[in-house]
Amino acid sequence: MSEIFDKLKAKLAESGTLTDDELTSAGLTDEEKIWLSAERHSKEREKQEKITLEQYVAANKVLDTAAEGSAEYKDAEKIVEAYEKQA
């Protein structure tokens, strides 16, 4: 593995993120790019808030009762969409 790879790996471990420019312009091998990209996506998934089934059910109840377009409705809609994406 190259010195640049080691530096980017350390940065990813420290900050939890790398930009696409850092990956493409660093002169990395395909294997190094794939490894760093996979680690970056793994860290992003870890940062995402997990929506529980209970939160999902409660949000669906709000969608059934709240006025469409209201702030309460929009917040519940975001919860439902986030849960469905993670499932």
PDB file of N, CA and C in Angstrom:
ATOM      1  N   MET A   1       0.835  -1.176   0.000  1.00  0.00           N
ATOM      2  CA  MET A   1       0.000   0.000   0.000  1.00  0.00           C
ATOM      3  C   MET A   1       0.886   1.248   0.000  1.00  0.00           C
ATOM      4  N   SER A   2       0.402   2.295  -0.613  1.00  0.00           N
ATOM      5  CA  SER A   2       1.190   3.506  -0.787  1.00  0.00           C
ATOM      6  C   SER A   2       1.103   4.424   0.437  1.00  0.00           C
ATOM      7  N   GLU A   3       2.008   5.382   0.469  1.00  0.00           N
ATOM      8  CA  GLU A   3       2.050   6.361   1.562  1.00  0.00           C
ATOM      9  C   GLU A   3       0.794   7.240   1.539  1.00  0.00           C
ATOM     10  N   ILE A   4       0.347   7.596   0.347  1.00  0.00           N
ATOM     11  CA  ILE A   4      -0.864   8.417   0.214  1.00  0.00           C
ATOM     12  C   ILE A   4      -2.065   7.648   0.749  1.00  0.00           C
ATOM     13  N   PHE A   5      -2.131   6.371   0.427  1.00  0.00           N
ATOM     14  CA  PHE A   5      -3.215   5.526   0.933  1.00  0.00           C
ATOM     15  C   PHE A   5      -3.219   5.526   2.455  1.00  0.00           C
ATOM     16  N   ASP A   6      -2.040   5.370   3.060  1.00  0.00           N
ATOM     17  CA  ASP A   6      -1.942   5.356   4.514  1.00  0.00           C
ATOM     18  C   ASP A   6      -2.402   6.682   5.118  1.00  0.00           C
ATOM     19  N   LYS A   7      -2.068   7.795   4.474  1.00  0.00           N
ATOM     20  CA  LYS A   7      -2.492   9.111   4.963  1.00  0.00           C
ATOM     21  C   LYS A   7      -4.008   9.266   4.861  1.00  0.00           C
ATOM     22  N   LEU A   8      -4.584   8.857   3.732  1.00  0.00           N
ATOM     23  CA  LEU A   8      -6.032   8.951   3.563  1.00  0.00           C
ATOM     24  C   LEU A   8      -6.762   8.010   4.515  1.00  0.00           C
ATOM     25  N   LYS A   9      -6.200   6.852   4.741  1.00  0.00           N
ATOM     26  CA  LYS A   9      -6.782   5.896   5.681  1.00  0.00           C
ATOM     27  C   LYS A   9      -6.799   6.485   7.090  1.00  0.00           C
ATOM     28  N   ALA A  10      -5.717   7.145   7.477  1.00  0.00           N
ATOM     29  CA  ALA A  10      -5.640   7.779   8.793  1.00  0.00           C
ATOM     30  C   ALA A  10      -6.646   8.930   8.894  1.00  0.00           C
ATOM     31  N   LYS A  11      -6.766   9.713   7.823  1.00  0.00           N
ATOM     32  CA  LYS A  11      -7.724  10.819   7.821  1.00  0.00           C
ATOM     33  C   LYS A  11      -9.141  10.296   7.946  1.00  0.00           C
ATOM     34  N   LEU A  12      -9.450   9.234   7.241  1.00  0.00           N
ATOM     35  CA  LEU A  12     -10.772   8.633   7.305  1.00  0.00           C
ATOM     36  C   LEU A  12     -11.071   8.127   8.717  1.00  0.00           C
ATOM     37  N   ALA A  13     -10.103   7.506   9.349  1.00  0.00           N
ATOM     38  CA  ALA A  13     -10.289   7.009  10.706  1.00  0.00           C
ATOM     39  C   ALA A  13     -10.507   8.160  11.680  1.00  0.00           C
ATOM     40  N   GLU A  14      -9.816   9.270  11.462  1.00  0.00           N
ATOM     41  CA  GLU A  14      -9.898  10.416  12.368  1.00  0.00           C
ATOM     42  C   GLU A  14     -11.166  11.234  12.160  1.00  0.00           C
ATOM     43  N   SER A  15     -11.434  11.589  10.908  1.00  0.00           N
ATOM     44  CA  SER A  15     -12.556  12.490  10.626  1.00  0.00           C
ATOM     45  C   SER A  15     -13.838  11.760  10.239  1.00  0.00           C
ATOM     46  N   GLY A  16     -13.722  10.532   9.765  1.00  0.00           N
ATOM     47  CA  GLY A  16     -14.896   9.768   9.368  1.00  0.00           C
ATOM     48  C   GLY A  16     -15.377  10.042   7.958  1.00  0.00           C
ATOM     49  N   THR A  17     -14.625  10.860   7.197  1.00  0.00           N
ATOM     50  CA  THR A  17     -15.073  11.166   5.847  1.00  0.00           C
ATOM     51  C   THR A  17     -13.896  11.495   4.938  1.00  0.00           C
ATOM     52  N   LEU A  18     -14.128  11.270   3.659  1.00  0.00           N
ATOM     53  CA  LEU A  18     -13.202  11.665   2.599  1.00  0.00           C
ATOM     54  C   LEU A  18     -14.047  12.188   1.449  1.00  0.00           C
ATOM     55  N   THR A  19     -13.517  13.131   0.714  1.00  0.00           N
ATOM     56  CA  THR A  19     -14.249  13.645  -0.446  1.00  0.00           C
ATOM     57  C   THR A  19     -13.951  12.778  -1.666  1.00  0.00           C
ATOM     58  N   ASP A  20     -14.806  12.891  -2.661  1.00  0.00           N
ATOM     59  CA  ASP A  20     -14.577  12.170  -3.916  1.00  0.00           C
ATOM     60  C   ASP A  20     -13.292  12.654  -4.574  1.00  0.00           C
ATOM     61  N   ASP A  21     -13.015  13.958  -4.471  1.00  0.00           N
ATOM     62  CA  ASP A  21     -11.790  14.505  -5.053  1.00  0.00           C
ATOM     63  C   ASP A  21     -10.551  13.890  -4.419  1.00  0.00           C
ATOM     64  N   GLU A  22     -10.583  13.691  -3.124  1.00  0.00           N
ATOM     65  CA  GLU A  22      -9.437  13.082  -2.450  1.00  0.00           C
ATOM     66  C   GLU A  22      -9.199  11.666  -2.964  1.00  0.00           C
ATOM     67  N   LEU A  23     -10.261  10.954  -3.222  1.00  0.00           N
ATOM     68  CA  LEU A  23     -10.117   9.580  -3.711  1.00  0.00           C
ATOM     69  C   LEU A  23      -9.651   9.521  -5.158  1.00  0.00           C
ATOM     70  N   THR A  24     -10.157  10.414  -5.997  1.00  0.00           N
ATOM     71  CA  THR A  24      -9.844  10.325  -7.423  1.00  0.00           C
ATOM     72  C   THR A  24      -8.532  10.986  -7.802  1.00  0.00           C
ATOM     73  N   SER A  25      -8.133  12.019  -7.084  1.00  0.00           N
ATOM     74  CA  SER A  25      -6.935  12.753  -7.478  1.00  0.00           C
ATOM     75  C   SER A  25      -5.679  12.340  -6.722  1.00  0.00           C
ATOM     76  N   ALA A  26      -5.777  11.329  -5.886  1.00  0.00           N
ATOM     77  CA  ALA A  26      -4.635  10.949  -5.055  1.00  0.00           C
ATOM     78  C   ALA A  26      -3.678   9.983  -5.744  1.00  0.00           C
ATOM     79  N   GLY A  27      -4.015   9.506  -6.920  1.00  0.00           N
ATOM     80  CA  GLY A  27      -3.148   8.566  -7.618  1.00  0.00           C
ATOM     81  C   GLY A  27      -3.131   7.191  -6.970  1.00  0.00           C
ATOM     82  N   LEU A  28      -4.270   6.769  -6.452  1.00  0.00           N
ATOM     83  CA  LEU A  28      -4.377   5.479  -5.785  1.00  0.00           C
ATOM     84  C   LEU A  28      -4.623   4.362  -6.799  1.00  0.00           C
ATOM     85  N   THR A  29      -4.283   3.157  -6.391  1.00  0.00           N
ATOM     86  CA  THR A  29      -4.613   2.001  -7.218  1.00  0.00           C
ATOM     87  C   THR A  29      -6.117   1.742  -7.104  1.00  0.00           C
ATOM     88  N   ASP A  30      -6.654   0.968  -8.017  1.00  0.00           N
ATOM     89  CA  ASP A  30      -8.078   0.639  -7.964  1.00  0.00           C
ATOM     90  C   ASP A  30      -8.431  -0.052  -6.651  1.00  0.00           C
ATOM     91  N   GLU A  31      -7.573  -0.945  -6.213  1.00  0.00           N
ATOM     92  CA  GLU A  31      -7.812  -1.667  -4.967  1.00  0.00           C
ATOM     93  C   GLU A  31      -7.868  -0.693  -3.776  1.00  0.00           C
ATOM     94  N   GLU A  32      -6.968   0.269  -3.746  1.00  0.00           N
ATOM     95  CA  GLU A  32      -6.947   1.254  -2.660  1.00  0.00           C
ATOM     96  C   GLU A  32      -8.206   2.127  -2.690  1.00  0.00           C
ATOM     97  N   LYS A  33      -8.607   2.545  -3.889  1.00  0.00           N
ATOM     98  CA  LYS A  33      -9.827   3.362  -4.021  1.00  0.00           C
ATOM     99  C   LYS A  33     -11.050   2.594  -3.533  1.00  0.00           C
ATOM    100  N   ILE A  34     -11.146   1.336  -3.924  1.00  0.00           N
ATOM    101  CA  ILE A  34     -12.288   0.512  -3.528  1.00  0.00           C
ATOM    102  C   ILE A  34     -12.314   0.349  -2.015  1.00  0.00           C
ATOM    103  N   TRP A  35     -11.180   0.073  -1.412  1.00  0.00           N
ATOM    104  CA  TRP A  35     -11.117  -0.119   0.037  1.00  0.00           C
ATOM    105  C   TRP A  35     -11.525   1.152   0.769  1.00  0.00           C
ATOM    106  N   LEU A  36     -10.967   2.293   0.369  1.00  0.00           N
ATOM    107  CA  LEU A  36     -11.294   3.561   1.024  1.00  0.00           C
ATOM    108  C   LEU A  36     -12.757   3.938   0.819  1.00  0.00           C
ATOM    109  N   SER A  37     -13.272   3.706  -0.372  1.00  0.00           N
ATOM    110  CA  SER A  37     -14.661   4.018  -0.659  1.00  0.00           C
ATOM    111  C   SER A  37     -15.598   3.165   0.198  1.00  0.00           C
ATOM    112  N   ALA A  38     -15.300   1.900   0.323  1.00  0.00           N
ATOM    113  CA  ALA A  38     -16.125   1.005   1.143  1.00  0.00           C
ATOM    114  C   ALA A  38     -16.086   1.428   2.611  1.00  0.00           C
ATOM    115  N   GLU A  39     -14.924   1.782   3.099  1.00  0.00           N
ATOM    116  CA  GLU A  39     -14.805   2.237   4.484  1.00  0.00           C
ATOM    117  C   GLU A  39     -15.551   3.550   4.703  1.00  0.00           C
ATOM    118  N   ARG A  40     -15.472   4.436   3.727  1.00  0.00           N
ATOM    119  CA  ARG A  40     -16.167   5.722   3.824  1.00  0.00           C
ATOM    120  C   ARG A  40     -17.677   5.501   3.912  1.00  0.00           C
ATOM    121  N   HIS A  41     -18.210   4.643   3.069  1.00  0.00           N
ATOM    122  CA  HIS A  41     -19.646   4.364   3.090  1.00  0.00           C
ATOM    123  C   HIS A  41     -20.054   3.659   4.383  1.00  0.00           C
ATOM    124  N   SER A  42     -19.210   2.815   4.898  1.00  0.00           N
ATOM    125  CA  SER A  42     -19.489   2.141   6.158  1.00  0.00           C
ATOM    126  C   SER A  42     -19.589   3.154   7.299  1.00  0.00           C
ATOM    127  N   LYS A  43     -18.679   4.103   7.325  1.00  0.00           N
ATOM    128  CA  LYS A  43     -18.704   5.137   8.362  1.00  0.00           C
ATOM    129  C   LYS A  43     -19.929   6.030   8.225  1.00  0.00           C
ATOM    130  N   GLU A  44     -20.337   6.332   7.006  1.00  0.00           N
ATOM    131  CA  GLU A  44     -21.534   7.152   6.786  1.00  0.00           C
ATOM    132  C   GLU A  44     -22.780   6.433   7.286  1.00  0.00           C
ATOM    133  N   ARG A  45     -22.847   5.120   7.049  1.00  0.00           N
ATOM    134  CA  ARG A  45     -23.993   4.348   7.533  1.00  0.00           C
ATOM    135  C   ARG A  45     -24.032   4.318   9.052  1.00  0.00           C
ATOM    136  N   GLU A  46     -22.873   4.245   9.693  1.00  0.00           N
ATOM    137  CA  GLU A  46     -22.813   4.235  11.148  1.00  0.00           C
ATOM    138  C   GLU A  46     -23.321   5.547  11.739  1.00  0.00           C
ATOM    139  N   LYS A  47     -23.104   6.647  11.026  1.00  0.00           N
ATOM    140  CA  LYS A  47     -23.513   7.958  11.510  1.00  0.00           C
ATOM    141  C   LYS A  47     -25.013   8.189  11.402  1.00  0.00           C
ATOM    142  N   GLN A  48     -25.654   7.490  10.484  1.00  0.00           N
ATOM    143  CA  GLN A  48     -27.080   7.702  10.257  1.00  0.00           C
ATOM    144  C   GLN A  48     -27.883   7.245  11.470  1.00  0.00           C
ATOM    145  N   GLU A  49     -28.879   8.041  11.793  1.00  0.00           N
ATOM    146  CA  GLU A  49     -29.754   7.702  12.910  1.00  0.00           C
ATOM    147  C   GLU A  49     -30.659   6.549  12.507  1.00  0.00           C
ATOM    148  N   LYS A  50     -30.785   5.582  13.388  1.00  0.00           N
ATOM    149  CA  LYS A  50     -31.646   4.434  13.129  1.00  0.00           C
ATOM    150  C   LYS A  50     -33.056   4.755  13.598  1.00  0.00           C
ATOM    151  N   ILE A  51     -34.026   4.480  12.765  1.00  0.00           N
ATOM    152  CA  ILE A  51     -35.425   4.679  13.094  1.00  0.00           C
ATOM    153  C   ILE A  51     -35.977   3.337  13.575  1.00  0.00           C
ATOM    154  N   THR A  52     -36.605   3.338  14.746  1.00  0.00           N
ATOM    155  CA  THR A  52     -37.153   2.101  15.294  1.00  0.00           C
ATOM    156  C   THR A  52     -38.536   1.829  14.707  1.00  0.00           C
ATOM    157  N   LEU A  53     -38.991   0.605  14.872  1.00  0.00           N
ATOM    158  CA  LEU A  53     -40.317   0.228  14.410  1.00  0.00           C
ATOM    159  C   LEU A  53     -41.383   1.052  15.133  1.00  0.00           C
ATOM    160  N   GLU A  54     -41.168   1.305  16.415  1.00  0.00           N
ATOM    161  CA  GLU A  54     -42.121   2.092  17.192  1.00  0.00           C
ATOM    162  C   GLU A  54     -42.235   3.515  16.644  1.00  0.00           C
ATOM    163  N   GLN A  55     -41.100   4.110  16.283  1.00  0.00           N
ATOM    164  CA  GLN A  55     -41.117   5.457  15.703  1.00  0.00           C
ATOM    165  C   GLN A  55     -41.830   5.446  14.354  1.00  0.00           C
ATOM    166  N   TYR A  56     -41.606   4.409  13.589  1.00  0.00           N
ATOM    167  CA  TYR A  56     -42.238   4.269  12.279  1.00  0.00           C
ATOM    168  C   TYR A  56     -43.757   4.164  12.413  1.00  0.00           C
ATOM    169  N   VAL A  57     -44.213   3.325  13.337  1.00  0.00           N
ATOM    170  CA  VAL A  57     -45.650   3.148  13.544  1.00  0.00           C
ATOM    171  C   VAL A  57     -46.283   4.452  14.018  1.00  0.00           C
ATOM    172  N   ALA A  58     -45.632   5.133  14.957  1.00  0.00           N
ATOM    173  CA  ALA A  58     -46.152   6.403  15.465  1.00  0.00           C
ATOM    174  C   ALA A  58     -46.223   7.442  14.342  1.00  0.00           C
ATOM    175  N   ALA A  59     -45.217   7.490  13.498  1.00  0.00           N
ATOM    176  CA  ALA A  59     -45.196   8.439  12.390  1.00  0.00           C
ATOM    177  C   ALA A  59     -46.311   8.133  11.389  1.00  0.00           C
ATOM    178  N   ASN A  60     -46.579   6.854  11.150  1.00  0.00           N
ATOM    179  CA  ASN A  60     -47.676   6.477  10.253  1.00  0.00           C
ATOM    180  C   ASN A  60     -49.026   6.914  10.817  1.00  0.00           C
ATOM    181  N   LYS A  61     -49.189   6.838  12.130  1.00  0.00           N
ATOM    182  CA  LYS A  61     -50.429   7.300  12.757  1.00  0.00           C
ATOM    183  C   LYS A  61     -50.593   8.803  12.554  1.00  0.00           C
ATOM    184  N   VAL A  62     -49.494   9.540  12.660  1.00  0.00           N
ATOM    185  CA  VAL A  62     -49.541  10.985  12.436  1.00  0.00           C
ATOM    186  C   VAL A  62     -49.939  11.274  10.994  1.00  0.00           C
ATOM    187  N   LEU A  63     -49.397  10.503  10.060  1.00  0.00           N
ATOM    188  CA  LEU A  63     -49.759  10.700   8.647  1.00  0.00           C
ATOM    189  C   LEU A  63     -51.251  10.472   8.418  1.00  0.00           C
ATOM    190  N   ASP A  64     -51.843   9.562   9.190  1.00  0.00           N
ATOM    191  CA  ASP A  64     -53.269   9.278   9.047  1.00  0.00           C
ATOM    192  C   ASP A  64     -54.145  10.379   9.643  1.00  0.00           C
ATOM    193  N   THR A  65     -53.622  11.100  10.649  1.00  0.00           N
ATOM    194  CA  THR A  65     -54.464  12.061  11.369  1.00  0.00           C
ATOM    195  C   THR A  65     -54.130  13.521  11.106  1.00  0.00           C
ATOM    196  N   ALA A  66     -52.906  13.830  10.798  1.00  0.00           N
ATOM    197  CA  ALA A  66     -52.495  15.226  10.628  1.00  0.00           C
ATOM    198  C   ALA A  66     -52.891  15.749   9.252  1.00  0.00           C
ATOM    199  N   ALA A  67     -53.041  17.060   9.190  1.00  0.00           N
ATOM    200  CA  ALA A  67     -53.371  17.701   7.915  1.00  0.00           C
ATOM    201  C   ALA A  67     -52.178  17.603   6.977  1.00  0.00           C
ATOM    202  N   GLU A  68     -52.432  17.159   5.762  1.00  0.00           N
ATOM    203  CA  GLU A  68     -51.361  17.017   4.776  1.00  0.00           C
ATOM    204  C   GLU A  68     -50.721  18.372   4.522  1.00  0.00           C
ATOM    205  N   GLY A  69     -49.406  18.415   4.560  1.00  0.00           N
ATOM    206  CA  GLY A  69     -48.672  19.656   4.340  1.00  0.00           C
ATOM    207  C   GLY A  69     -48.318  20.387   5.614  1.00  0.00           C
ATOM    208  N   SER A  70     -48.889  19.970   6.749  1.00  0.00           N
ATOM    209  CA  SER A  70     -48.560  20.618   8.019  1.00  0.00           C
ATOM    210  C   SER A  70     -47.145  20.228   8.443  1.00  0.00           C
ATOM    211  N   ALA A  71     -46.582  20.978   9.373  1.00  0.00           N
ATOM    212  CA  ALA A  71     -45.229  20.686   9.853  1.00  0.00           C
ATOM    213  C   ALA A  71     -45.171  19.308  10.493  1.00  0.00           C
ATOM    214  N   GLU A  72     -46.205  18.974  11.257  1.00  0.00           N
ATOM    215  CA  GLU A  72     -46.272  17.665  11.905  1.00  0.00           C
ATOM    216  C   GLU A  72     -46.305  16.544  10.865  1.00  0.00           C
ATOM    217  N   TYR A  73     -47.068  16.742   9.816  1.00  0.00           N
ATOM    218  CA  TYR A  73     -47.175  15.758   8.739  1.00  0.00           C
ATOM    219  C   TYR A  73     -45.828  15.585   8.035  1.00  0.00           C
ATOM    220  N   LYS A  74     -45.157  16.693   7.732  1.00  0.00           N
ATOM    221  CA  LYS A  74     -43.871  16.630   7.034  1.00  0.00           C
ATOM    222  C   LYS A  74     -42.812  15.924   7.879  1.00  0.00           C
ATOM    223  N   ASP A  75     -42.797  16.201   9.199  1.00  0.00           N
ATOM    224  CA  ASP A  75     -41.842  15.529  10.086  1.00  0.00           C
ATOM    225  C   ASP A  75     -42.090  14.026  10.121  1.00  0.00           C
ATOM    226  N   ALA A  76     -43.360  13.647  10.215  1.00  0.00           N
ATOM    227  CA  ALA A  76     -43.702  12.225  10.235  1.00  0.00           C
ATOM    228  C   ALA A  76     -43.337  11.561   8.912  1.00  0.00           C
ATOM    229  N   GLU A  77     -43.550  12.264   7.818  1.00  0.00           N
ATOM    230  CA  GLU A  77     -43.221  11.736   6.499  1.00  0.00           C
ATOM    231  C   GLU A  77     -41.720  11.459   6.376  1.00  0.00           C
ATOM    232  N   LYS A  78     -40.902  12.338   6.930  1.00  0.00           N
ATOM    233  CA  LYS A  78     -39.446  12.134   6.910  1.00  0.00           C
ATOM    234  C   LYS A  78     -39.058  10.875   7.675  1.00  0.00           C
ATOM    235  N   ILE A  79     -39.703  10.658   8.806  1.00  0.00           N
ATOM    236  CA  ILE A  79     -39.417   9.458   9.618  1.00  0.00           C
ATOM    237  C   ILE A  79     -39.790   8.211   8.849  1.00  0.00           C
ATOM    238  N   VAL A  80     -40.965   8.209   8.242  1.00  0.00           N
ATOM    239  CA  VAL A  80     -41.426   7.043   7.477  1.00  0.00           C
ATOM    240  C   VAL A  80     -40.473   6.758   6.318  1.00  0.00           C
ATOM    241  N   GLU A  81     -40.083   7.789   5.590  1.00  0.00           N
ATOM    242  CA  GLU A  81     -39.177   7.605   4.454  1.00  0.00           C
ATOM    243  C   GLU A  81     -37.815   7.089   4.902  1.00  0.00           C
ATOM    244  N   ALA A  82     -37.302   7.622   6.015  1.00  0.00           N
ATOM    245  CA  ALA A  82     -36.001   7.175   6.532  1.00  0.00           C
ATOM    246  C   ALA A  82     -36.059   5.719   6.954  1.00  0.00           C
ATOM    247  N   TYR A  83     -37.142   5.316   7.605  1.00  0.00           N
ATOM    248  CA  TYR A  83     -37.276   3.928   8.024  1.00  0.00           C
ATOM    249  C   TYR A  83     -37.350   2.997   6.820  1.00  0.00           C
ATOM    250  N   GLU A  84     -38.101   3.390   5.820  1.00  0.00           N
ATOM    251  CA  GLU A  84     -38.253   2.548   4.641  1.00  0.00           C
ATOM    252  C   GLU A  84     -36.953   2.436   3.853  1.00  0.00           C
ATOM    253  N   LYS A  85     -36.128   3.459   3.892  1.00  0.00           N
ATOM    254  CA  LYS A  85     -34.820   3.387   3.225  1.00  0.00           C
ATOM    255  C   LYS A  85     -33.880   2.431   3.925  1.00  0.00           C
ATOM    256  N   GLN A  86     -33.927   2.414   5.262  1.00  0.00           N
ATOM    257  CA  GLN A  86     -33.001   1.568   6.008  1.00  0.00           C
ATOM    258  C   GLN A  86     -33.440   0.117   6.028  1.00  0.00           C
ATOM    259  N   ALA A  87     -34.687  -0.151   5.688  1.00  0.00           N
ATOM    260  CA  ALA A  87     -35.200  -1.525   5.734  1.00  0.00           C
ATOM    261  C   ALA A  87     -34.748  -2.332   4.548  1.00  0.00           C
TER     262      ALA A  87
END
